[in-house]
PDB file of N, CA and C in Angstrom:
ATOM      1  N   UNK A   1       8.225 -61.649 -26.016  1.00  0.00           N
ATOM      2  CA  UNK A   1       8.491 -60.382 -26.648  1.00  0.00           C
ATOM      3  C   UNK A   1       7.252 -59.488 -26.630  1.00  0.00           C
ATOM      4  N   UNK A   2       6.072 -60.094 -26.827  1.00  0.00           N
ATOM      5  CA  UNK A   2       4.842 -59.320 -26.817  1.00  0.00           C
ATOM      6  C   UNK A   2       4.585 -58.746 -25.429  1.00  0.00           C
ATOM      7  N   UNK A   3       4.869 -59.480 -24.393  1.00  0.00           N
ATOM      8  CA  UNK A   3       4.641 -58.968 -23.031  1.00  0.00           C
ATOM      9  C   UNK A   3       5.595 -57.827 -22.716  1.00  0.00           C
ATOM     10  N   UNK A   4       6.827 -57.944 -23.217  1.00  0.00           N
ATOM     11  CA  UNK A   4       7.793 -56.870 -23.012  1.00  0.00           C
ATOM     12  C   UNK A   4       7.334 -55.594 -23.710  1.00  0.00           C
ATOM     13  N   UNK A   5       6.855 -55.728 -24.924  1.00  0.00           N
ATOM     14  CA  UNK A   5       6.363 -54.585 -25.687  1.00  0.00           C
ATOM     15  C   UNK A   5       5.124 -53.986 -25.023  1.00  0.00           C
ATOM     16  N   UNK A   6       4.226 -54.818 -24.524  1.00  0.00           N
ATOM     17  CA  UNK A   6       3.023 -54.339 -23.833  1.00  0.00           C
ATOM     18  C   UNK A   6       3.412 -53.614 -22.551  1.00  0.00           C
ATOM     19  N   UNK A   7       4.366 -54.178 -21.800  1.00  0.00           N
ATOM     20  CA  UNK A   7       4.835 -53.543 -20.569  1.00  0.00           C
ATOM     21  C   UNK A   7       5.491 -52.202 -20.875  1.00  0.00           C
ATOM     22  N   UNK A   8       6.283 -52.154 -21.943  1.00  0.00           N
ATOM     23  CA  UNK A   8       6.929 -50.913 -22.352  1.00  0.00           C
ATOM     24  C   UNK A   8       5.888 -49.852 -22.727  1.00  0.00           C
ATOM     25  N   UNK A   9       4.842 -50.232 -23.458  1.00  0.00           N
ATOM     26  CA  UNK A   9       3.779 -49.290 -23.826  1.00  0.00           C
ATOM     27  C   UNK A   9       3.030 -48.795 -22.591  1.00  0.00           C
ATOM     28  N   UNK A  10       2.767 -49.680 -21.652  1.00  0.00           N
ATOM     29  CA  UNK A  10       2.088 -49.273 -20.409  1.00  0.00           C
ATOM     30  C   UNK A  10       2.961 -48.286 -19.633  1.00  0.00           C
ATOM     31  N   UNK A  11       4.245 -48.585 -19.531  1.00  0.00           N
ATOM     32  CA  UNK A  11       5.155 -47.680 -18.823  1.00  0.00           C
ATOM     33  C   UNK A  11       5.280 -46.329 -19.527  1.00  0.00           C
ATOM     34  N   UNK A  12       5.336 -46.320 -20.839  1.00  0.00           N
ATOM     35  CA  UNK A  12       5.378 -45.057 -21.587  1.00  0.00           C
ATOM     36  C   UNK A  12       4.084 -44.258 -21.405  1.00  0.00           C
ATOM     37  N   UNK A  13       2.954 -44.943 -21.410  1.00  0.00           N
ATOM     38  CA  UNK A  13       1.669 -44.267 -21.165  1.00  0.00           C
ATOM     39  C   UNK A  13       1.616 -43.672 -19.763  1.00  0.00           C
ATOM     40  N   UNK A  14       2.116 -44.413 -18.783  1.00  0.00           N
ATOM     41  CA  UNK A  14       2.161 -43.911 -17.406  1.00  0.00           C
ATOM     42  C   UNK A  14       3.082 -42.703 -17.298  1.00  0.00           C
ATOM     43  N   UNK A  15       4.228 -42.778 -17.965  1.00  0.00           N
ATOM     44  CA  UNK A  15       5.157 -41.653 -17.983  1.00  0.00           C
ATOM     45  C   UNK A  15       4.518 -40.422 -18.629  1.00  0.00           C
ATOM     46  N   UNK A  16       3.813 -40.626 -19.729  1.00  0.00           N
ATOM     47  CA  UNK A  16       3.139 -39.505 -20.404  1.00  0.00           C
ATOM     48  C   UNK A  16       2.067 -38.901 -19.501  1.00  0.00           C
ATOM     49  N   UNK A  17       1.315 -39.752 -18.795  1.00  0.00           N
ATOM     50  CA  UNK A  17       0.275 -39.239 -17.896  1.00  0.00           C
ATOM     51  C   UNK A  17       0.892 -38.450 -16.747  1.00  0.00           C
ATOM     52  N   UNK A  18       1.996 -38.924 -16.202  1.00  0.00           N
ATOM     53  CA  UNK A  18       2.659 -38.202 -15.107  1.00  0.00           C
ATOM     54  C   UNK A  18       3.244 -36.878 -15.586  1.00  0.00           C
ATOM     55  N   UNK A  19       3.813 -36.866 -16.783  1.00  0.00           N
ATOM     56  CA  UNK A  19       4.353 -35.624 -17.333  1.00  0.00           C
ATOM     57  C   UNK A  19       3.244 -34.604 -17.585  1.00  0.00           C
ATOM     58  N   UNK A  20       2.115 -35.104 -18.083  1.00  0.00           N
ATOM     59  CA  UNK A  20       0.982 -34.200 -18.315  1.00  0.00           C
ATOM     60  C   UNK A  20       0.545 -33.566 -16.995  1.00  0.00           C
ATOM     61  N   UNK A  21       0.430 -34.389 -15.948  1.00  0.00           N
ATOM     62  CA  UNK A  21       0.019 -33.870 -14.640  1.00  0.00           C
ATOM     63  C   UNK A  21       1.039 -32.871 -14.115  1.00  0.00           C
ATOM     64  N   UNK A  22       2.335 -33.147 -14.320  1.00  0.00           N
ATOM     65  CA  UNK A  22       3.388 -32.252 -13.847  1.00  0.00           C
ATOM     66  C   UNK A  22       3.287 -30.881 -14.508  1.00  0.00           C
ATOM     67  N   UNK A  23       3.060 -30.847 -15.803  1.00  0.00           N
ATOM     68  CA  UNK A  23       3.097 -29.576 -16.525  1.00  0.00           C
ATOM     69  C   UNK A  23       1.753 -28.858 -16.569  1.00  0.00           C
ATOM     70  N   UNK A  24       0.658 -29.592 -16.640  1.00  0.00           N
ATOM     71  CA  UNK A  24      -0.635 -28.951 -16.867  1.00  0.00           C
ATOM     72  C   UNK A  24      -1.655 -29.214 -15.776  1.00  0.00           C
ATOM     73  N   UNK A  25      -1.432 -30.128 -14.884  1.00  0.00           N
ATOM     74  CA  UNK A  25      -2.413 -30.492 -13.870  1.00  0.00           C
ATOM     75  C   UNK A  25      -2.413 -29.525 -12.693  1.00  0.00           C
ATOM     76  N   UNK A  26      -3.249 -29.850 -11.724  1.00  0.00           N
ATOM     77  CA  UNK A  26      -3.331 -29.049 -10.507  1.00  0.00           C
ATOM     78  C   UNK A  26      -1.994 -29.122  -9.778  1.00  0.00           C
ATOM     79  N   UNK A  27      -1.440 -27.960  -9.425  1.00  0.00           N
ATOM     80  CA  UNK A  27      -0.137 -27.926  -8.775  1.00  0.00           C
ATOM     81  C   UNK A  27       0.996 -28.070  -9.765  1.00  0.00           C
ATOM     82  N   UNK A  28       0.706 -27.877 -11.038  1.00  0.00           N
ATOM     83  CA  UNK A  28       1.721 -28.014 -12.083  1.00  0.00           C
ATOM     84  C   UNK A  28       2.617 -26.790 -12.159  1.00  0.00           C
ATOM     85  N   UNK A  29       3.487 -26.797 -13.152  1.00  0.00           N
ATOM     86  CA  UNK A  29       4.484 -25.742 -13.316  1.00  0.00           C
ATOM     87  C   UNK A  29       3.862 -24.364 -13.516  1.00  0.00           C
ATOM     88  N   UNK A  30       2.775 -24.292 -14.254  1.00  0.00           N
ATOM     89  CA  UNK A  30       2.109 -23.012 -14.485  1.00  0.00           C
ATOM     90  C   UNK A  30       1.656 -22.393 -13.167  1.00  0.00           C
ATOM     91  N   UNK A  31       1.072 -23.211 -12.334  1.00  0.00           N
ATOM     92  CA  UNK A  31       0.581 -22.740 -11.042  1.00  0.00           C
ATOM     93  C   UNK A  31       1.744 -22.353 -10.122  1.00  0.00           C
ATOM     94  N   UNK A  32       2.838 -23.092 -10.196  1.00  0.00           N
ATOM     95  CA  UNK A  32       4.006 -22.780  -9.380  1.00  0.00           C
ATOM     96  C   UNK A  32       4.580 -21.421  -9.759  1.00  0.00           C
ATOM     97  N   UNK A  33       4.672 -21.151 -11.036  1.00  0.00           N
ATOM     98  CA  UNK A  33       5.183 -19.859 -11.504  1.00  0.00           C
ATOM     99  C   UNK A  33       4.269 -18.727 -11.036  1.00  0.00           C
ATOM    100  N   UNK A  34       2.968 -18.925 -11.150  1.00  0.00           N
ATOM    101  CA  UNK A  34       2.013 -17.902 -10.716  1.00  0.00           C
ATOM    102  C   UNK A  34       2.116 -17.669  -9.209  1.00  0.00           C
ATOM    103  N   UNK A  35       2.261 -18.727  -8.443  1.00  0.00           N
ATOM    104  CA  UNK A  35       2.378 -18.582  -6.991  1.00  0.00           C
ATOM    105  C   UNK A  35       3.680 -17.892  -6.592  1.00  0.00           C
ATOM    106  N   UNK A  36       4.765 -18.160  -7.313  1.00  0.00           N
ATOM    107  CA  UNK A  36       6.033 -17.478  -7.027  1.00  0.00           C
ATOM    108  C   UNK A  36       5.905 -15.978  -7.266  1.00  0.00           C
ATOM    109  N   UNK A  37       5.234 -15.595  -8.331  1.00  0.00           N
ATOM    110  CA  UNK A  37       5.018 -14.175  -8.611  1.00  0.00           C
ATOM    111  C   UNK A  37       4.161 -13.543  -7.519  1.00  0.00           C
ATOM    112  N   UNK A  38       3.154 -14.262  -7.072  1.00  0.00           N
ATOM    113  CA  UNK A  38       2.290 -13.753  -6.009  1.00  0.00           C
ATOM    114  C   UNK A  38       3.065 -13.596  -4.703  1.00  0.00           C
ATOM    115  N   UNK A  39       3.959 -14.522  -4.412  1.00  0.00           N
ATOM    116  CA  UNK A  39       4.785 -14.432  -3.203  1.00  0.00           C
ATOM    117  C   UNK A  39       5.692 -13.207  -3.273  1.00  0.00           C
ATOM    118  N   UNK A  40       6.276 -12.934  -4.420  1.00  0.00           N
ATOM    119  CA  UNK A  40       7.145 -11.765  -4.567  1.00  0.00           C
ATOM    120  C   UNK A  40       6.364 -10.468  -4.364  1.00  0.00           C
ATOM    121  N   UNK A  41       5.149 -10.406  -4.915  1.00  0.00           N
ATOM    122  CA  UNK A  41       4.317  -9.219  -4.709  1.00  0.00           C
ATOM    123  C   UNK A  41       3.996  -9.031  -3.223  1.00  0.00           C
ATOM    124  N   UNK A  42       3.687 -10.128  -2.548  1.00  0.00           N
ATOM    125  CA  UNK A  42       3.365 -10.046  -1.123  1.00  0.00           C
ATOM    126  C   UNK A  42       4.585  -9.630  -0.312  1.00  0.00           C
ATOM    127  N   UNK A  43       5.769 -10.109  -0.688  1.00  0.00           N
ATOM    128  CA  UNK A  43       6.998  -9.703   0.017  1.00  0.00           C
ATOM    129  C   UNK A  43       7.235  -8.207  -0.140  1.00  0.00           C
ATOM    130  N   UNK A  44       7.026  -7.683  -1.335  1.00  0.00           N
ATOM    131  CA  UNK A  44       7.209  -6.240  -1.562  1.00  0.00           C
ATOM    132  C   UNK A  44       6.209  -5.446  -0.728  1.00  0.00           C
ATOM    133  N   UNK A  45       4.968  -5.901  -0.688  1.00  0.00           N
ATOM    134  CA  UNK A  45       3.944  -5.223   0.123  1.00  0.00           C
ATOM    135  C   UNK A  45       4.301  -5.296   1.605  1.00  0.00           C
ATOM    136  N   UNK A  46       4.780  -6.442   2.063  1.00  0.00           N
ATOM    137  CA  UNK A  46       5.177  -6.587   3.463  1.00  0.00           C
ATOM    138  C   UNK A  46       6.329  -5.658   3.810  1.00  0.00           C
ATOM    139  N   UNK A  47       7.294  -5.521   2.904  1.00  0.00           N
ATOM    140  CA  UNK A  47       8.423  -4.621   3.146  1.00  0.00           C
ATOM    141  C   UNK A  47       7.946  -3.174   3.249  1.00  0.00           C
ATOM    142  N   UNK A  48       7.011  -2.793   2.377  1.00  0.00           N
ATOM    143  CA  UNK A  48       6.479  -1.422   2.413  1.00  0.00           C
ATOM    144  C   UNK A  48       5.747  -1.174   3.733  1.00  0.00           C
ATOM    145  N   UNK A  49       4.928  -2.142   4.138  1.00  0.00           N
ATOM    146  CA  UNK A  49       4.183  -1.984   5.387  1.00  0.00           C
ATOM    147  C   UNK A  49       5.104  -2.012   6.602  1.00  0.00           C
ATOM    148  N   UNK A  50       6.173  -2.809   6.550  1.00  0.00           N
ATOM    149  CA  UNK A  50       7.122  -2.847   7.665  1.00  0.00           C
ATOM    150  C   UNK A  50       7.833  -1.510   7.811  1.00  0.00           C
ATOM    151  N   UNK A  51       8.196  -0.887   6.689  1.00  0.00           N
ATOM    152  CA  UNK A  51       8.831   0.438   6.738  1.00  0.00           C
ATOM    153  C   UNK A  51       7.868   1.457   7.338  1.00  0.00           C
ATOM    154  N   UNK A  52       6.601   1.380   6.961  1.00  0.00           N
ATOM    155  CA  UNK A  52       5.599   2.291   7.528  1.00  0.00           C
ATOM    156  C   UNK A  52       5.436   2.060   9.024  1.00  0.00           C
ATOM    157  N   UNK A  53       5.385   0.793   9.429  1.00  0.00           N
ATOM    158  CA  UNK A  53       5.265   0.483  10.856  1.00  0.00           C
ATOM    159  C   UNK A  53       6.480   0.964  11.642  1.00  0.00           C
ATOM    160  N   UNK A  54       7.667   0.821  11.066  1.00  0.00           N
ATOM    161  CA  UNK A  54       8.879   1.291  11.735  1.00  0.00           C
ATOM    162  C   UNK A  54       8.848   2.806  11.921  1.00  0.00           C
ATOM    163  N   UNK A  55       8.380   3.520  10.893  1.00  0.00           N
ATOM    164  CA  UNK A  55       8.290   4.978  10.999  1.00  0.00           C
ATOM    165  C   UNK A  55       7.277   5.377  12.067  1.00  0.00           C
ATOM    166  N   UNK A  56       6.143   4.692  12.111  1.00  0.00           N
ATOM    167  CA  UNK A  56       5.141   4.997  13.130  1.00  0.00           C
ATOM    168  C   UNK A  56       5.645   4.672  14.529  1.00  0.00           C
ATOM    169  N   UNK A  57       6.377   3.563  14.668  1.00  0.00           N
ATOM    170  CA  UNK A  57       6.935   3.200  15.974  1.00  0.00           C
ATOM    171  C   UNK A  57       7.952   4.238  16.430  1.00  0.00           C
ATOM    172  N   UNK A  58       8.763   4.741  15.505  1.00  0.00           N
ATOM    173  CA  UNK A  58       9.730   5.791  15.852  1.00  0.00           C
ATOM    174  C   UNK A  58       9.015   7.066  16.272  1.00  0.00           C
ATOM    175  N   UNK A  59       7.933   7.395  15.590  1.00  0.00           N
ATOM    176  CA  UNK A  59       7.175   8.596  15.945  1.00  0.00           C
ATOM    177  C   UNK A  59       6.535   8.448  17.324  1.00  0.00           C
ATOM    178  N   UNK A  60       6.001   7.270  17.618  1.00  0.00           N
ATOM    179  CA  UNK A  60       5.404   7.021  18.936  1.00  0.00           C
ATOM    180  C   UNK A  60       6.463   7.134  20.024  1.00  0.00           C
ATOM    181  N   UNK A  61       7.641   6.538  19.780  1.00  0.00           N
ATOM    182  CA  UNK A  61       8.716   6.606  20.768  1.00  0.00           C
ATOM    183  C   UNK A  61       9.147   8.044  20.984  1.00  0.00           C
ATOM    184  N   UNK A  62       9.202   8.832  19.908  1.00  0.00           N
ATOM    185  CA  UNK A  62       9.573  10.243  20.016  1.00  0.00           C
ATOM    186  C   UNK A  62       8.538  11.021  20.816  1.00  0.00           C
ATOM    187  N   UNK A  63       7.265  10.739  20.579  1.00  0.00           N
ATOM    188  CA  UNK A  63       6.204  11.437  21.313  1.00  0.00           C
ATOM    189  C   UNK A  63       6.208  11.055  22.786  1.00  0.00           C
ATOM    190  N   UNK A  64       6.540   9.807  23.099  1.00  0.00           N
ATOM    191  CA  UNK A  64       6.573   9.364  24.492  1.00  0.00           C
ATOM    192  C   UNK A  64       7.781   9.898  25.232  1.00  0.00           C
ATOM    193  N   UNK A  65       8.904  10.071  24.543  1.00  0.00           N
ATOM    194  CA  UNK A  65      10.147  10.401  25.225  1.00  0.00           C
ATOM    195  C   UNK A  65      10.331  11.889  25.490  1.00  0.00           C
ATOM    196  N   UNK A  66       9.870  12.755  24.632  1.00  0.00           N
ATOM    197  CA  UNK A  66      10.176  14.170  24.806  1.00  0.00           C
ATOM    198  C   UNK A  66       8.991  15.064  24.576  1.00  0.00           C
ATOM    199  N   UNK A  67       9.067  16.228  25.171  1.00  0.00           N
ATOM    200  CA  UNK A  67       7.992  17.197  25.030  1.00  0.00           C
ATOM    201  C   UNK A  67       8.062  17.982  23.744  1.00  0.00           C
ATOM    202  N   UNK A  68       9.245  18.015  23.112  1.00  0.00           N
ATOM    203  CA  UNK A  68       9.387  18.829  21.898  1.00  0.00           C
ATOM    204  C   UNK A  68       8.518  18.303  20.758  1.00  0.00           C
ATOM    205  N   UNK A  69       8.450  16.999  20.618  1.00  0.00           N
ATOM    206  CA  UNK A  69       7.639  16.433  19.543  1.00  0.00           C
ATOM    207  C   UNK A  69       6.163  16.697  19.794  1.00  0.00           C
ATOM    208  N   UNK A  70       5.735  16.601  21.048  1.00  0.00           N
ATOM    209  CA  UNK A  70       4.337  16.880  21.380  1.00  0.00           C
ATOM    210  C   UNK A  70       4.023  18.347  21.111  1.00  0.00           C
ATOM    211  N   UNK A  71       4.941  19.222  21.509  1.00  0.00           N
ATOM    212  CA  UNK A  71       4.730  20.653  21.282  1.00  0.00           C
ATOM    213  C   UNK A  71       4.674  20.965  19.790  1.00  0.00           C
ATOM    214  N   UNK A  72       5.558  20.349  19.030  1.00  0.00           N
ATOM    215  CA  UNK A  72       5.561  20.592  17.583  1.00  0.00           C
ATOM    216  C   UNK A  72       4.247  20.161  16.947  1.00  0.00           C
ATOM    217  N   UNK A  73       3.735  18.998  17.341  1.00  0.00           N
ATOM    218  CA  UNK A  73       2.450  18.537  16.788  1.00  0.00           C
ATOM    219  C   UNK A  73       1.311  19.448  17.220  1.00  0.00           C
ATOM    220  N   UNK A  74       1.316  19.883  18.472  1.00  0.00           N
ATOM    221  CA  UNK A  74       0.258  20.771  18.950  1.00  0.00           C
ATOM    222  C   UNK A  74       0.270  22.082  18.178  1.00  0.00           C
ATOM    223  N   UNK A  75       1.448  22.588  17.898  1.00  0.00           N
ATOM    224  CA  UNK A  75       1.543  23.847  17.152  1.00  0.00           C
ATOM    225  C   UNK A  75       1.107  23.667  15.699  1.00  0.00           C
ATOM    226  N   UNK A  76       1.570  22.605  15.041  1.00  0.00           N
ATOM    227  CA  UNK A  76       1.282  22.458  13.614  1.00  0.00           C
ATOM    228  C   UNK A  76      -0.136  21.964  13.346  1.00  0.00           C
ATOM    229  N   UNK A  77      -0.618  21.006  14.134  1.00  0.00           N
ATOM    230  CA  UNK A  77      -1.926  20.423  13.848  1.00  0.00           C
ATOM    231  C   UNK A  77      -3.074  21.155  14.522  1.00  0.00           C
ATOM    232  N   UNK A  78      -2.833  21.694  15.714  1.00  0.00           N
ATOM    233  CA  UNK A  78      -3.912  22.343  16.451  1.00  0.00           C
ATOM    234  C   UNK A  78      -3.814  23.866  16.464  1.00  0.00           C
ATOM    235  N   UNK A  79      -2.684  24.408  16.007  1.00  0.00           N
ATOM    236  CA  UNK A  79      -2.512  25.847  15.961  1.00  0.00           C
ATOM    237  C   UNK A  79      -2.358  26.481  17.333  1.00  0.00           C
ATOM    238  N   UNK A  80      -1.842  25.742  18.291  1.00  0.00           N
ATOM    239  CA  UNK A  80      -1.686  26.257  19.642  1.00  0.00           C
ATOM    240  C   UNK A  80      -0.469  27.161  19.737  1.00  0.00           C
ATOM    241  N   UNK A  81      -0.557  28.164  20.616  1.00  0.00           N
ATOM    242  CA  UNK A  81       0.554  29.076  20.886  1.00  0.00           C
ATOM    243  C   UNK A  81       0.763  29.143  22.390  1.00  0.00           C
ATOM    244  N   UNK A  82       1.978  29.467  22.794  1.00  0.00           N
ATOM    245  CA  UNK A  82       2.307  29.595  24.214  1.00  0.00           C
ATOM    246  C   UNK A  82       1.796  30.939  24.733  1.00  0.00           C
ATOM    247  N   UNK A  83       1.559  31.025  26.045  1.00  0.00           N
ATOM    248  CA  UNK A  83       1.158  32.321  26.621  1.00  0.00           C
ATOM    249  C   UNK A  83       2.249  33.365  26.373  1.00  0.00           C
ATOM    250  N   UNK A  84       1.851  34.540  25.962  1.00  0.00           N
ATOM    251  CA  UNK A  84       2.788  35.618  25.695  1.00  0.00           C
ATOM    252  C   UNK A  84       3.273  35.645  24.254  1.00  0.00           C
ATOM    253  N   UNK A  85       2.996  34.621  23.465  1.00  0.00           N
ATOM    254  CA  UNK A  85       3.389  34.617  22.063  1.00  0.00           C
ATOM    255  C   UNK A  85       2.297  35.265  21.224  1.00  0.00           C
ATOM    256  N   UNK A  86       2.686  35.811  20.089  1.00  0.00           N
ATOM    257  CA  UNK A  86       1.734  36.383  19.141  1.00  0.00           C
ATOM    258  C   UNK A  86       1.763  35.542  17.873  1.00  0.00           C
ATOM    259  N   UNK A  87       0.602  35.150  17.422  1.00  0.00           N
ATOM    260  CA  UNK A  87       0.492  34.311  16.239  1.00  0.00           C
ATOM    261  C   UNK A  87       0.291  35.200  15.025  1.00  0.00           C
ATOM    262  N   UNK A  88       1.121  35.008  14.001  1.00  0.00           N
ATOM    263  CA  UNK A  88       1.004  35.740  12.744  1.00  0.00           C
ATOM    264  C   UNK A  88       0.790  34.733  11.630  1.00  0.00           C
ATOM    265  N   UNK A  89      -0.187  34.989  10.775  1.00  0.00           N
ATOM    266  CA  UNK A  89      -0.419  34.151   9.602  1.00  0.00           C
ATOM    267  C   UNK A  89      -0.029  34.963   8.378  1.00  0.00           C
ATOM    268  N   UNK A  90       0.870  34.422   7.571  1.00  0.00           N
ATOM    269  CA  UNK A  90       1.321  35.090   6.357  1.00  0.00           C
ATOM    270  C   UNK A  90       0.573  34.458   5.192  1.00  0.00           C
ATOM    271  N   UNK A  91      -0.106  35.313   4.419  1.00  0.00           N
ATOM    272  CA  UNK A  91      -0.891  34.838   3.282  1.00  0.00           C
ATOM    273  C   UNK A  91      -0.197  35.278   2.013  1.00  0.00           C
ATOM    274  N   UNK A  92      -0.067  34.354   1.074  1.00  0.00           N
ATOM    275  CA  UNK A  92       0.548  34.644  -0.211  1.00  0.00           C
ATOM    276  C   UNK A  92      -0.338  35.643  -0.952  1.00  0.00           C
ATOM    277  N   UNK A  93       0.273  36.664  -1.542  1.00  0.00           N
ATOM    278  CA  UNK A  93      -0.477  37.700  -2.248  1.00  0.00           C
ATOM    279  C   UNK A  93      -1.283  37.161  -3.414  1.00  0.00           C
ATOM    280  N   UNK A  94      -0.763  36.183  -4.141  1.00  0.00           N
ATOM    281  CA  UNK A  94      -1.476  35.601  -5.283  1.00  0.00           C
ATOM    282  C   UNK A  94      -2.704  34.832  -4.820  1.00  0.00           C
ATOM    283  N   UNK A  95      -2.593  34.146  -3.713  1.00  0.00           N
ATOM    284  CA  UNK A  95      -3.725  33.371  -3.206  1.00  0.00           C
ATOM    285  C   UNK A  95      -4.822  34.299  -2.699  1.00  0.00           C
ATOM    286  N   UNK A  96      -4.447  35.435  -2.129  1.00  0.00           N
ATOM    287  CA  UNK A  96      -5.427  36.379  -1.605  1.00  0.00           C
ATOM    288  C   UNK A  96      -6.175  37.084  -2.730  1.00  0.00           C
ATOM    289  N   UNK A  97      -5.539  37.274  -3.895  1.00  0.00           N
ATOM    290  CA  UNK A  97      -6.166  38.000  -4.997  1.00  0.00           C
ATOM    291  C   UNK A  97      -7.188  37.143  -5.740  1.00  0.00           C
ATOM    292  N   UNK A  98      -7.017  35.835  -5.745  1.00  0.00           N
ATOM    293  CA  UNK A  98      -7.953  34.995  -6.483  1.00  0.00           C
ATOM    294  C   UNK A  98      -9.211  34.771  -5.652  1.00  0.00           C
ATOM    295  N   UNK A  99     -10.378  34.748  -6.312  1.00  0.00           N
ATOM    296  CA  UNK A  99     -11.630  34.552  -5.565  1.00  0.00           C
ATOM    297  C   UNK A  99     -11.717  33.123  -5.032  1.00  0.00           C
ATOM    298  N   UNK A 100     -12.345  32.987  -3.901  1.00  0.00           N
ATOM    299  CA  UNK A 100     -12.492  31.655  -3.316  1.00  0.00           C
ATOM    300  C   UNK A 100     -13.626  30.923  -4.020  1.00  0.00           C
ATOM    301  N   UNK A 101     -13.605  29.588  -4.035  1.00  0.00           N
ATOM    302  CA  UNK A 101     -14.666  28.830  -4.708  1.00  0.00           C
ATOM    303  C   UNK A 101     -16.021  29.047  -4.054  1.00  0.00           C
ATOM    304  N   UNK A 102     -16.054  29.317  -2.759  1.00  0.00           N
ATOM    305  CA  UNK A 102     -17.337  29.516  -2.083  1.00  0.00           C
ATOM    306  C   UNK A 102     -18.024  30.801  -2.557  1.00  0.00           C
ATOM    307  N   UNK A 103     -17.218  31.828  -2.886  1.00  0.00           N
ATOM    308  CA  UNK A 103     -17.791  33.114  -3.283  1.00  0.00           C
ATOM    309  C   UNK A 103     -18.473  33.015  -4.650  1.00  0.00           C
ATOM    310  N   UNK A 104     -17.976  32.171  -5.543  1.00  0.00           N
ATOM    311  CA  UNK A 104     -18.557  32.097  -6.878  1.00  0.00           C
ATOM    312  C   UNK A 104     -19.631  31.015  -7.003  1.00  0.00           C
ATOM    313  N   UNK A 105     -19.745  30.140  -6.010  1.00  0.00           N
ATOM    314  CA  UNK A 105     -20.723  29.058  -6.068  1.00  0.00           C
ATOM    315  C   UNK A 105     -22.101  29.576  -5.687  1.00  0.00           C
ATOM    316  N   UNK A 106     -23.162  29.109  -6.349  1.00  0.00           N
ATOM    317  CA  UNK A 106     -24.509  29.540  -5.975  1.00  0.00           C
ATOM    318  C   UNK A 106     -24.882  28.960  -4.600  1.00  0.00           C
ATOM    319  N   UNK A 107     -25.762  29.656  -3.944  1.00  0.00           N
ATOM    320  CA  UNK A 107     -26.218  29.213  -2.616  1.00  0.00           C
ATOM    321  C   UNK A 107     -27.053  27.938  -2.766  1.00  0.00           C
ATOM    322  N   UNK A 108     -27.327  27.288  -1.662  1.00  0.00           N
ATOM    323  CA  UNK A 108     -28.073  26.038  -1.686  1.00  0.00           C
ATOM    324  C   UNK A 108     -29.476  26.217  -2.220  1.00  0.00           C
ATOM    325  N   UNK A 109     -30.083  27.416  -2.034  1.00  0.00           N
ATOM    326  CA  UNK A 109     -31.451  27.629  -2.492  1.00  0.00           C
ATOM    327  C   UNK A 109     -31.501  28.103  -3.943  1.00  0.00           C
ATOM    328  N   UNK A 110     -30.322  28.149  -4.602  1.00  0.00           N
ATOM    329  CA  UNK A 110     -30.265  28.504  -6.011  1.00  0.00           C
ATOM    330  C   UNK A 110     -30.060  29.973  -6.266  1.00  0.00           C
ATOM    331  N   UNK A 111     -30.016  30.821  -5.240  1.00  0.00           N
ATOM    332  CA  UNK A 111     -29.806  32.247  -5.432  1.00  0.00           C
ATOM    333  C   UNK A 111     -28.323  32.567  -5.318  1.00  0.00           C
ATOM    334  N   UNK A 112     -27.916  33.651  -5.944  1.00  0.00           N
ATOM    335  CA  UNK A 112     -26.538  34.127  -5.844  1.00  0.00           C
ATOM    336  C   UNK A 112     -26.458  35.114  -4.699  1.00  0.00           C
ATOM    337  N   UNK A 113     -25.292  35.174  -4.030  1.00  0.00           N
ATOM    338  CA  UNK A 113     -25.151  36.143  -2.937  1.00  0.00           C
ATOM    339  C   UNK A 113     -25.126  37.569  -3.404  1.00  0.00           C
TER     340      UNK A 113
END
């Protein structure tokens, strides 16, 4: 009977040690929950980056396939115009009336213009 009781106590101690390792040890439940949250964050970031890559790939394909996209970019980003066209810039009246920041800032040598 004493050996049975001793064996039972040893087995219960082993069970307690294994449960402790499962819940609180390295690779335990706490760490698993944290890693699952980290995986979800990474999946969301990957989805965002994949959408960005898809948009860039579509833009590249558009630029390679047709001249209209190239012309549109040249006009908007570089301000290019075709021969015979006249370029007009329309300025908002409110923006023109307000002083520019450069006009009110002192010069580099500390003097005012």
